[in-house]
Amino acid sequence: MSKAAHFIYVFVMAIIVVAITAIIVYYGFSYYATGLEQRFFDPVHPTLKPSGTIGHGLGIAGSLLMMIGVFSYMTRKRMRWLSRIGVLKHWLEFHIFLCTLGPILLLFHTAFKFGGIVAISFWSMVMVFLSGIIGRFIYIQIPRTIEGRELSLSEVRNMKKDIGEVITDSIDSESESYRIITESVKRKFVADRGNLIASIVKTFFEDRETISRVRKALKQNNLKHDQYKKISGLVKNEISLNRRIDRLQTMQNLFKYWHVAHLPFAIVMLIIMLIHVGVTITFGYRWIF
């Protein structure tokens, strides 16, 4: 999949989530904003209540999306014969899409009324969703191949380039600009800053300042646009690799711990969801069938 096609792929999924959410909010805003006691008298109550035509349908659709999103990604990861079907990264993005849209539909299915054993499933779903966001952040911090295989530290180090050799043809090796650029991509010892989040935020701004300094140096050399773009991109990539090398072991450990927290919530959510569906069918709720 080309970069353009991948952008369209992600963009379409994002638009679908936003559009469906906007449509539901537009149609049912007055109902959802009404107090629980007054909803019975609202004209759309028969359709938007959890057992209503639309409300019930949202629950079915949301549950299916969640289950498809979870089990399709798990199957793709564990079944070797599926490794030839698409790139794991794209499967993960599809998993995120389904497991974002699914909870949104389930939220409107509940009509924002939580109680009983279903409340446990709902809040487990919320925890799965929030932990998924955290997991996605950790996941993208760990360098991987295009197929999604995690790279080792030595493999990441081998990705680094000698930028001094790359820019020699464009910038005088004796100039101040050359020194600024080569210094910007050198790995520096980073002392333990304690708080990981604070460290990430601080290094982010440090890197932005470094890139800005490099761009100023490049502009002083009257480079052609393609040369400027190439060197600027190389510098950004090298700085990114430096940070990933610095945090690689930490992120790998965090990812292991994340699975320990994410999976139990997902299991609890799915089990109670299945119990809820079973009870619903037992009591005769058949939706439109």
C-alpha atoms as a PDB file:
ATOM      1  CA  MET A   1       0.000   0.000   0.000  1.00  0.00           C
ATOM      2  CA  SER A   2       1.461   3.372  -1.040  1.00  0.00           C
ATOM      3  CA  LYS A   3       1.614   6.341   1.340  1.00  0.00           C
ATOM      4  CA  ALA A   4      -1.264   8.026  -0.493  1.00  0.00           C
ATOM      5  CA  ALA A   5      -3.408   4.883  -0.351  1.00  0.00           C
ATOM      6  CA  HIS A   6      -2.572   4.399   3.341  1.00  0.00           C
ATOM      7  CA  PHE A   7      -3.530   8.011   4.080  1.00  0.00           C
ATOM      8  CA  ILE A   8      -6.871   7.518   2.305  1.00  0.00           C
ATOM      9  CA  TYR A   9      -7.395   4.219   4.184  1.00  0.00           C
ATOM     10  CA  VAL A  10      -6.910   5.870   7.588  1.00  0.00           C
ATOM     11  CA  PHE A  11      -8.763   9.051   6.580  1.00  0.00           C
ATOM     12  CA  VAL A  12     -11.858   7.142   5.410  1.00  0.00           C
ATOM     13  CA  MET A  13     -12.012   5.191   8.688  1.00  0.00           C
ATOM     14  CA  ALA A  14     -11.696   8.410  10.699  1.00  0.00           C
ATOM     15  CA  ILE A  15     -14.426  10.079   8.615  1.00  0.00           C
ATOM     16  CA  ILE A  16     -16.753   7.100   9.135  1.00  0.00           C
ATOM     17  CA  VAL A  17     -16.346   7.315  12.935  1.00  0.00           C
ATOM     18  CA  VAL A  18     -16.910  11.081  12.980  1.00  0.00           C
ATOM     19  CA  ALA A  19     -19.839  10.962  10.532  1.00  0.00           C
ATOM     20  CA  ILE A  20     -21.721   8.168  12.321  1.00  0.00           C
ATOM     21  CA  THR A  21     -21.209   9.838  15.700  1.00  0.00           C
ATOM     22  CA  ALA A  22     -22.402  13.187  14.316  1.00  0.00           C
ATOM     23  CA  ILE A  23     -25.517  11.612  12.765  1.00  0.00           C
ATOM     24  CA  ILE A  24     -26.521   9.874  16.005  1.00  0.00           C
ATOM     25  CA  VAL A  25     -25.900  13.018  18.070  1.00  0.00           C
ATOM     26  CA  TYR A  26     -27.856  15.161  15.598  1.00  0.00           C
ATOM     27  CA  TYR A  27     -30.818  12.779  15.572  1.00  0.00           C
ATOM     28  CA  GLY A  28     -30.972  12.037  19.295  1.00  0.00           C
ATOM     29  CA  PHE A  29     -29.373  15.004  21.049  1.00  0.00           C
ATOM     30  CA  SER A  30     -32.604  16.263  22.609  1.00  0.00           C
ATOM     31  CA  TYR A  31     -33.450  12.748  23.811  1.00  0.00           C
ATOM     32  CA  TYR A  32     -30.038  12.009  25.331  1.00  0.00           C
ATOM     33  CA  ALA A  33     -29.985  15.460  26.944  1.00  0.00           C
ATOM     34  CA  THR A  34     -33.345  14.820  28.594  1.00  0.00           C
ATOM     35  CA  GLY A  35     -33.529  13.520  32.160  1.00  0.00           C
ATOM     36  CA  LEU A  36     -34.188   9.801  32.604  1.00  0.00           C
ATOM     37  CA  GLU A  37     -37.632  10.426  34.104  1.00  0.00           C
ATOM     38  CA  GLN A  38     -38.818  12.579  31.175  1.00  0.00           C
ATOM     39  CA  ARG A  39     -37.477  10.402  28.354  1.00  0.00           C
ATOM     40  CA  PHE A  40     -40.561   8.170  28.393  1.00  0.00           C
ATOM     41  CA  PHE A  41     -42.616  11.062  27.045  1.00  0.00           C
ATOM     42  CA  ASP A  42     -40.170  11.928  24.259  1.00  0.00           C
ATOM     43  CA  PRO A  43     -41.488  11.004  20.764  1.00  0.00           C
ATOM     44  CA  VAL A  44     -38.230   9.196  19.870  1.00  0.00           C
ATOM     45  CA  HIS A  45     -38.153   7.133  23.078  1.00  0.00           C
ATOM     46  CA  PRO A  46     -39.602   3.989  21.412  1.00  0.00           C
ATOM     47  CA  THR A  47     -36.758   3.995  18.887  1.00  0.00           C
ATOM     48  CA  LEU A  48     -33.770   5.286  20.887  1.00  0.00           C
ATOM     49  CA  LYS A  49     -34.269   3.446  24.182  1.00  0.00           C
ATOM     50  CA  PRO A  50     -31.904   0.458  24.648  1.00  0.00           C
ATOM     51  CA  SER A  51     -34.612  -1.970  23.564  1.00  0.00           C
ATOM     52  CA  GLY A  52     -35.925   0.314  20.827  1.00  0.00           C
ATOM     53  CA  THR A  53     -35.492  -0.219  17.106  1.00  0.00           C
ATOM     54  CA  ILE A  54     -32.469   2.068  16.746  1.00  0.00           C
ATOM     55  CA  GLY A  55     -31.149   1.676  20.295  1.00  0.00           C
ATOM     56  CA  HIS A  56     -31.216  -2.109  20.098  1.00  0.00           C
ATOM     57  CA  GLY A  57     -29.642  -1.999  16.632  1.00  0.00           C
ATOM     58  CA  LEU A  58     -26.809   0.174  17.931  1.00  0.00           C
ATOM     59  CA  GLY A  59     -26.123  -2.409  20.628  1.00  0.00           C
ATOM     60  CA  ILE A  60     -26.008  -5.258  18.114  1.00  0.00           C
ATOM     61  CA  ALA A  61     -23.819  -3.321  15.667  1.00  0.00           C
ATOM     62  CA  GLY A  62     -21.480  -2.094  18.408  1.00  0.00           C
ATOM     63  CA  SER A  63     -21.075  -5.585  19.891  1.00  0.00           C
ATOM     64  CA  LEU A  64     -20.340  -7.114  16.468  1.00  0.00           C
ATOM     65  CA  LEU A  65     -17.794  -4.428  15.634  1.00  0.00           C
ATOM     66  CA  MET A  66     -16.029  -4.951  18.954  1.00  0.00           C
ATOM     67  CA  MET A  67     -15.887  -8.728  18.555  1.00  0.00           C
ATOM     68  CA  ILE A  68     -14.783  -8.558  14.923  1.00  0.00           C
ATOM     69  CA  GLY A  69     -12.142  -5.968  15.830  1.00  0.00           C
ATOM     70  CA  VAL A  70     -10.744  -8.043  18.706  1.00  0.00           C
ATOM     71  CA  PHE A  71     -10.840 -11.519  17.180  1.00  0.00           C
ATOM     72  CA  SER A  72      -9.730 -10.555  13.648  1.00  0.00           C
ATOM     73  CA  TYR A  73      -6.599  -8.830  14.949  1.00  0.00           C
ATOM     74  CA  MET A  74      -5.825 -11.624  17.422  1.00  0.00           C
ATOM     75  CA  THR A  75      -6.247 -14.204  14.658  1.00  0.00           C
ATOM     76  CA  ARG A  76      -4.039 -12.246  12.260  1.00  0.00           C
ATOM     77  CA  LYS A  77      -1.282 -12.046  14.885  1.00  0.00           C
ATOM     78  CA  ARG A  78      -1.361 -15.713  15.836  1.00  0.00           C
ATOM     79  CA  MET A  79      -2.121 -17.543  12.581  1.00  0.00           C
ATOM     80  CA  ARG A  80       0.968 -17.818  10.399  1.00  0.00           C
ATOM     81  CA  TRP A  81      -1.008 -18.577   7.262  1.00  0.00           C
ATOM     82  CA  LEU A  82      -2.636 -15.138   7.535  1.00  0.00           C
ATOM     83  CA  SER A  83       0.730 -13.347   7.525  1.00  0.00           C
ATOM     84  CA  ARG A  84       0.505 -12.968   3.753  1.00  0.00           C
ATOM     85  CA  ILE A  85      -2.790 -11.113   3.963  1.00  0.00           C
ATOM     86  CA  GLY A  86      -2.030  -7.448   4.467  1.00  0.00           C
ATOM     87  CA  VAL A  87       0.447  -5.730   6.751  1.00  0.00           C
ATOM     88  CA  LEU A  88       0.030  -6.157  10.523  1.00  0.00           C
ATOM     89  CA  LYS A  89       0.159  -2.373  10.985  1.00  0.00           C
ATOM     90  CA  HIS A  90      -2.890  -1.980   8.734  1.00  0.00           C
ATOM     91  CA  TRP A  91      -4.718  -4.742  10.620  1.00  0.00           C
ATOM     92  CA  LEU A  92      -3.966  -2.899  13.858  1.00  0.00           C
ATOM     93  CA  GLU A  93      -5.396   0.319  12.404  1.00  0.00           C
ATOM     94  CA  PHE A  94      -8.537  -1.572  11.334  1.00  0.00           C
ATOM     95  CA  HIS A  95      -8.719  -3.075  14.845  1.00  0.00           C
ATOM     96  CA  ILE A  96      -8.496   0.431  16.336  1.00  0.00           C
ATOM     97  CA  PHE A  97     -11.195   1.668  13.929  1.00  0.00           C
ATOM     98  CA  LEU A  98     -13.670  -1.093  14.848  1.00  0.00           C
ATOM     99  CA  CYS A  99     -12.847  -0.865  18.564  1.00  0.00           C
ATOM    100  CA  THR A 100     -13.406   2.884  18.491  1.00  0.00           C
ATOM    101  CA  LEU A 101     -16.663   2.875  16.553  1.00  0.00           C
ATOM    102  CA  GLY A 102     -18.011  -0.146  18.485  1.00  0.00           C
ATOM    103  CA  PRO A 103     -17.814   1.482  21.945  1.00  0.00           C
ATOM    104  CA  ILE A 104     -19.359   4.680  20.569  1.00  0.00           C
ATOM    105  CA  LEU A 105     -22.374   2.745  19.265  1.00  0.00           C
ATOM    106  CA  LEU A 106     -22.634   0.831  22.552  1.00  0.00           C
ATOM    107  CA  LEU A 107     -22.527   4.101  24.483  1.00  0.00           C
ATOM    108  CA  PHE A 108     -25.572   5.370  22.585  1.00  0.00           C
ATOM    109  CA  HIS A 109     -27.201   1.935  22.923  1.00  0.00           C
ATOM    110  CA  THR A 110     -27.160   2.384  26.706  1.00  0.00           C
ATOM    111  CA  ALA A 111     -28.741   5.848  26.257  1.00  0.00           C
ATOM    112  CA  PHE A 112     -26.230   6.908  28.934  1.00  0.00           C
ATOM    113  CA  LYS A 113     -27.998   4.792  31.543  1.00  0.00           C
ATOM    114  CA  PHE A 114     -25.715   2.351  33.342  1.00  0.00           C
ATOM    115  CA  GLY A 115     -26.660  -0.195  35.964  1.00  0.00           C
ATOM    116  CA  GLY A 116     -26.427  -3.811  37.040  1.00  0.00           C
ATOM    117  CA  ILE A 117     -23.917  -6.285  35.685  1.00  0.00           C
ATOM    118  CA  VAL A 118     -23.888  -4.531  32.296  1.00  0.00           C
ATOM    119  CA  ALA A 119     -22.261  -1.534  33.983  1.00  0.00           C
ATOM    120  CA  ILE A 120     -19.222  -3.722  34.697  1.00  0.00           C
ATOM    121  CA  SER A 121     -19.014  -4.589  30.993  1.00  0.00           C
ATOM    122  CA  PHE A 122     -19.408  -0.953  30.013  1.00  0.00           C
ATOM    123  CA  TRP A 123     -16.699   0.358  32.329  1.00  0.00           C
ATOM    124  CA  SER A 124     -14.451  -2.538  31.305  1.00  0.00           C
ATOM    125  CA  MET A 125     -15.018  -1.412  27.730  1.00  0.00           C
ATOM    126  CA  VAL A 126     -14.064   2.137  28.708  1.00  0.00           C
ATOM    127  CA  MET A 127     -10.869   0.837  30.303  1.00  0.00           C
ATOM    128  CA  VAL A 128     -10.101  -1.247  27.200  1.00  0.00           C
ATOM    129  CA  PHE A 129     -10.627   1.831  25.028  1.00  0.00           C
ATOM    130  CA  LEU A 130      -8.460   4.109  27.181  1.00  0.00           C
ATOM    131  CA  SER A 131      -5.734   1.498  27.624  1.00  0.00           C
ATOM    132  CA  GLY A 132      -5.854   0.968  23.862  1.00  0.00           C
ATOM    133  CA  ILE A 133      -4.940   4.608  23.325  1.00  0.00           C
ATOM    134  CA  ILE A 134      -2.012   4.231  25.728  1.00  0.00           C
ATOM    135  CA  GLY A 135      -1.009   0.974  24.043  1.00  0.00           C
ATOM    136  CA  ARG A 136      -1.050   2.607  20.618  1.00  0.00           C
ATOM    137  CA  PHE A 137       1.293   5.322  21.911  1.00  0.00           C
ATOM    138  CA  ILE A 138       3.695   2.729  23.317  1.00  0.00           C
ATOM    139  CA  TYR A 139       3.435   0.611  20.151  1.00  0.00           C
ATOM    140  CA  ILE A 140       4.540   3.411  17.824  1.00  0.00           C
ATOM    141  CA  GLN A 141       7.541   4.145  20.063  1.00  0.00           C
ATOM    142  CA  ILE A 142       8.981   0.702  19.297  1.00  0.00           C
ATOM    143  CA  PRO A 143      10.651   0.537  15.851  1.00  0.00           C
ATOM    144  CA  ARG A 144       9.218  -2.200  13.636  1.00  0.00           C
ATOM    145  CA  THR A 145       9.541  -3.594  10.144  1.00  0.00           C
ATOM    146  CA  ILE A 146       6.805  -2.789   7.629  1.00  0.00           C
ATOM    147  CA  GLU A 147       5.304  -6.215   8.444  1.00  0.00           C
ATOM    148  CA  GLY A 148       5.053  -5.202  12.101  1.00  0.00           C
ATOM    149  CA  ARG A 149       7.927  -7.268  13.517  1.00  0.00           C
ATOM    150  CA  GLU A 150       9.630  -5.588  16.458  1.00  0.00           C
ATOM    151  CA  LEU A 151      13.217  -4.556  15.710  1.00  0.00           C
ATOM    152  CA  SER A 152      16.085  -5.381  18.043  1.00  0.00           C
ATOM    153  CA  LEU A 153      18.420  -2.718  19.429  1.00  0.00           C
ATOM    154  CA  SER A 154      21.199  -3.736  17.027  1.00  0.00           C
ATOM    155  CA  GLU A 155      18.810  -3.529  14.060  1.00  0.00           C
ATOM    156  CA  VAL A 156      17.729  -0.025  15.086  1.00  0.00           C
ATOM    157  CA  ARG A 157      21.348   1.070  15.434  1.00  0.00           C
ATOM    158  CA  ASN A 158      22.094  -0.275  11.956  1.00  0.00           C
ATOM    159  CA  MET A 159      19.382   2.015  10.563  1.00  0.00           C
ATOM    160  CA  LYS A 160      21.393   5.077  11.536  1.00  0.00           C
ATOM    161  CA  LYS A 161      23.424   6.816   8.840  1.00  0.00           C
ATOM    162  CA  ASP A 162      26.601   8.841   8.829  1.00  0.00           C
ATOM    163  CA  ILE A 163      24.903  12.099   8.006  1.00  0.00           C
ATOM    164  CA  GLY A 164      28.270  13.843   7.694  1.00  0.00           C
ATOM    165  CA  GLU A 165      29.023  11.797   4.600  1.00  0.00           C
ATOM    166  CA  VAL A 166      25.552  12.375   3.178  1.00  0.00           C
ATOM    167  CA  ILE A 167      25.741  16.191   3.336  1.00  0.00           C
ATOM    168  CA  THR A 168      29.404  16.623   2.299  1.00  0.00           C
ATOM    169  CA  ASP A 169      28.419  17.220  -1.314  1.00  0.00           C
ATOM    170  CA  SER A 170      25.956  19.940  -0.331  1.00  0.00           C
ATOM    171  CA  ILE A 171      27.624  21.719   2.591  1.00  0.00           C
ATOM    172  CA  ASP A 172      31.258  22.618   3.230  1.00  0.00           C
ATOM    173  CA  SER A 173      32.646  20.297   5.905  1.00  0.00           C
ATOM    174  CA  GLU A 174      34.552  23.235   7.468  1.00  0.00           C
ATOM    175  CA  SER A 175      31.490  25.441   7.825  1.00  0.00           C
ATOM    176  CA  GLU A 176      29.506  26.214  10.974  1.00  0.00           C
ATOM    177  CA  SER A 177      26.382  24.801   9.324  1.00  0.00           C
ATOM    178  CA  TYR A 178      28.085  21.421   8.859  1.00  0.00           C
ATOM    179  CA  ARG A 179      29.056  21.358  12.542  1.00  0.00           C
ATOM    180  CA  ILE A 180      25.540  22.247  13.693  1.00  0.00           C
ATOM    181  CA  ILE A 181      23.961  19.512  11.549  1.00  0.00           C
ATOM    182  CA  THR A 182      26.387  16.748  12.509  1.00  0.00           C
ATOM    183  CA  GLU A 183      26.200  17.673  16.205  1.00  0.00           C
ATOM    184  CA  SER A 184      22.403  17.615  16.111  1.00  0.00           C
ATOM    185  CA  VAL A 185      22.246  13.913  15.248  1.00  0.00           C
ATOM    186  CA  LYS A 186      24.829  12.651  17.726  1.00  0.00           C
ATOM    187  CA  ARG A 187      23.433  10.567  20.563  1.00  0.00           C
ATOM    188  CA  LYS A 188      24.019  12.180  23.915  1.00  0.00           C
ATOM    189  CA  PHE A 189      23.943  10.521  27.315  1.00  0.00           C
ATOM    190  CA  VAL A 190      20.513  11.039  28.817  1.00  0.00           C
ATOM    191  CA  ALA A 191      20.394  10.844  32.597  1.00  0.00           C
ATOM    192  CA  ASP A 192      17.424   9.242  34.262  1.00  0.00           C
ATOM    193  CA  ARG A 193      14.827  11.999  34.464  1.00  0.00           C
ATOM    194  CA  GLY A 194      12.491  10.023  36.675  1.00  0.00           C
ATOM    195  CA  ASN A 195       9.058  10.716  35.235  1.00  0.00           C
ATOM    196  CA  LEU A 196       8.742   9.121  31.779  1.00  0.00           C
ATOM    197  CA  ILE A 197       5.968  11.430  30.579  1.00  0.00           C
ATOM    198  CA  ALA A 198       7.883  14.536  31.675  1.00  0.00           C
ATOM    199  CA  SER A 199      10.977  13.166  29.952  1.00  0.00           C
ATOM    200  CA  ILE A 200       9.104  12.578  26.683  1.00  0.00           C
ATOM    201  CA  VAL A 201       7.593  16.077  26.760  1.00  0.00           C
ATOM    202  CA  LYS A 202      10.955  17.688  27.539  1.00  0.00           C
ATOM    203  CA  THR A 203      12.836  15.795  24.826  1.00  0.00           C
ATOM    204  CA  PHE A 204      10.062  16.616  22.342  1.00  0.00           C
ATOM    205  CA  PHE A 205      10.626  20.342  22.788  1.00  0.00           C
ATOM    206  CA  GLU A 206      14.401  19.850  22.784  1.00  0.00           C
ATOM    207  CA  ASP A 207      14.146  18.024  19.466  1.00  0.00           C
ATOM    208  CA  ARG A 208      11.906  20.731  17.989  1.00  0.00           C
ATOM    209  CA  GLU A 209      14.472  23.342  18.990  1.00  0.00           C
ATOM    210  CA  THR A 210      17.294  21.270  17.444  1.00  0.00           C
ATOM    211  CA  ILE A 211      15.392  20.794  14.164  1.00  0.00           C
ATOM    212  CA  SER A 212      14.646  24.525  14.048  1.00  0.00           C
ATOM    213  CA  ARG A 213      18.359  25.284  14.547  1.00  0.00           C
ATOM    214  CA  VAL A 214      19.283  22.861  11.752  1.00  0.00           C
ATOM    215  CA  ARG A 215      16.772  24.425   9.356  1.00  0.00           C
ATOM    216  CA  LYS A 216      18.215  27.877  10.001  1.00  0.00           C
ATOM    217  CA  ALA A 217      21.681  26.521   9.265  1.00  0.00           C
ATOM    218  CA  LEU A 218      20.449  24.922   6.038  1.00  0.00           C
ATOM    219  CA  LYS A 219      18.837  28.160   4.840  1.00  0.00           C
ATOM    220  CA  GLN A 220      22.160  29.954   5.139  1.00  0.00           C
ATOM    221  CA  ASN A 221      23.636  27.675   2.454  1.00  0.00           C
ATOM    222  CA  ASN A 222      21.188  28.526  -0.351  1.00  0.00           C
ATOM    223  CA  LEU A 223      20.383  24.876  -1.018  1.00  0.00           C
ATOM    224  CA  LYS A 224      17.938  23.720  -3.650  1.00  0.00           C
ATOM    225  CA  HIS A 225      14.512  22.788  -2.348  1.00  0.00           C
ATOM    226  CA  ASP A 226      15.016  19.037  -2.844  1.00  0.00           C
ATOM    227  CA  GLN A 227      18.408  19.156  -1.072  1.00  0.00           C
ATOM    228  CA  TYR A 228      16.961  21.157   1.813  1.00  0.00           C
ATOM    229  CA  LYS A 229      14.037  18.735   2.112  1.00  0.00           C
ATOM    230  CA  LYS A 230      16.289  15.660   1.943  1.00  0.00           C
ATOM    231  CA  ILE A 231      18.746  16.830   4.620  1.00  0.00           C
ATOM    232  CA  SER A 232      15.993  18.149   6.871  1.00  0.00           C
ATOM    233  CA  GLY A 233      14.190  14.806   6.627  1.00  0.00           C
ATOM    234  CA  LEU A 234      17.380  12.877   7.393  1.00  0.00           C
ATOM    235  CA  VAL A 235      18.037  14.972  10.487  1.00  0.00           C
ATOM    236  CA  LYS A 236      14.501  14.441  11.780  1.00  0.00           C
ATOM    237  CA  ASN A 237      14.764  10.704  11.169  1.00  0.00           C
ATOM    238  CA  GLU A 238      18.143  10.446  12.934  1.00  0.00           C
ATOM    239  CA  ILE A 239      16.904  12.398  15.958  1.00  0.00           C
ATOM    240  CA  SER A 240      13.827  10.169  16.104  1.00  0.00           C
ATOM    241  CA  LEU A 241      16.017   7.039  16.003  1.00  0.00           C
ATOM    242  CA  ASN A 242      18.200   8.431  18.784  1.00  0.00           C
ATOM    243  CA  ARG A 243      15.180   8.903  21.026  1.00  0.00           C
ATOM    244  CA  ARG A 244      13.824   5.468  20.200  1.00  0.00           C
ATOM    245  CA  ILE A 245      17.155   3.856  21.017  1.00  0.00           C
ATOM    246  CA  ASP A 246      17.234   5.733  24.338  1.00  0.00           C
ATOM    247  CA  ARG A 247      13.742   4.545  25.257  1.00  0.00           C
ATOM    248  CA  LEU A 248      13.629   1.175  23.508  1.00  0.00           C
ATOM    249  CA  GLN A 249      14.048  -1.082  26.540  1.00  0.00           C
ATOM    250  CA  THR A 250      11.674   1.021  28.642  1.00  0.00           C
ATOM    251  CA  MET A 251       8.984   0.927  25.965  1.00  0.00           C
ATOM    252  CA  GLN A 252       9.407  -2.818  25.427  1.00  0.00           C
ATOM    253  CA  ASN A 253       8.895  -3.429  29.153  1.00  0.00           C
ATOM    254  CA  LEU A 254       5.929  -1.069  29.273  1.00  0.00           C
ATOM    255  CA  PHE A 255       4.341  -2.882  26.329  1.00  0.00           C
ATOM    256  CA  LYS A 256       4.607  -6.200  28.203  1.00  0.00           C
ATOM    257  CA  TYR A 257       2.997  -4.677  31.310  1.00  0.00           C
ATOM    258  CA  TRP A 258       0.331  -3.022  29.144  1.00  0.00           C
ATOM    259  CA  HIS A 259      -0.817  -6.421  27.835  1.00  0.00           C
ATOM    260  CA  VAL A 260      -1.277  -7.591  31.423  1.00  0.00           C
ATOM    261  CA  ALA A 261      -3.705  -4.708  32.048  1.00  0.00           C
ATOM    262  CA  HIS A 262      -5.411  -4.532  28.639  1.00  0.00           C
ATOM    263  CA  LEU A 263      -6.281  -8.203  28.139  1.00  0.00           C
ATOM    264  CA  PRO A 264      -8.181  -8.872  31.431  1.00  0.00           C
ATOM    265  CA  PHE A 265     -10.446  -5.865  30.865  1.00  0.00           C
ATOM    266  CA  ALA A 266     -11.149  -7.079  27.318  1.00  0.00           C
ATOM    267  CA  ILE A 267     -11.984 -10.590  28.559  1.00  0.00           C
ATOM    268  CA  VAL A 268     -14.296  -9.303  31.308  1.00  0.00           C
ATOM    269  CA  MET A 269     -16.013  -6.999  28.811  1.00  0.00           C
ATOM    270  CA  LEU A 270     -16.607  -9.780  26.276  1.00  0.00           C
ATOM    271  CA  ILE A 271     -17.823 -12.334  28.846  1.00  0.00           C
ATOM    272  CA  ILE A 272     -20.368  -9.967  30.387  1.00  0.00           C
ATOM    273  CA  MET A 273     -21.389  -8.774  26.924  1.00  0.00           C
ATOM    274  CA  LEU A 274     -22.164 -12.380  25.935  1.00  0.00           C
ATOM    275  CA  ILE A 275     -24.117 -12.902  29.176  1.00  0.00           C
ATOM    276  CA  HIS A 276     -26.070  -9.718  28.465  1.00  0.00           C
ATOM    277  CA  VAL A 277     -26.875 -10.884  24.926  1.00  0.00           C
ATOM    278  CA  GLY A 278     -27.923 -14.298  26.203  1.00  0.00           C
ATOM    279  CA  VAL A 279     -30.245 -12.793  28.834  1.00  0.00           C
ATOM    280  CA  THR A 280     -31.695 -10.387  26.263  1.00  0.00           C
ATOM    281  CA  ILE A 281     -32.522 -13.216  23.859  1.00  0.00           C
ATOM    282  CA  THR A 282     -33.927 -15.336  26.715  1.00  0.00           C
ATOM    283  CA  PHE A 283     -36.362 -12.572  27.633  1.00  0.00           C
ATOM    284  CA  GLY A 284     -37.609 -12.381  24.055  1.00  0.00           C
ATOM    285  CA  TYR A 285     -35.907  -9.264  22.696  1.00  0.00           C
ATOM    286  CA  ARG A 286     -35.484 -10.095  18.998  1.00  0.00           C
ATOM    287  CA  TRP A 287     -34.928  -6.598  17.561  1.00  0.00           C
ATOM    288  CA  ILE A 288     -36.478  -6.528  14.041  1.00  0.00           C
ATOM    289  CA  PHE A 289     -36.417 -10.305  13.485  1.00  0.00           C
END
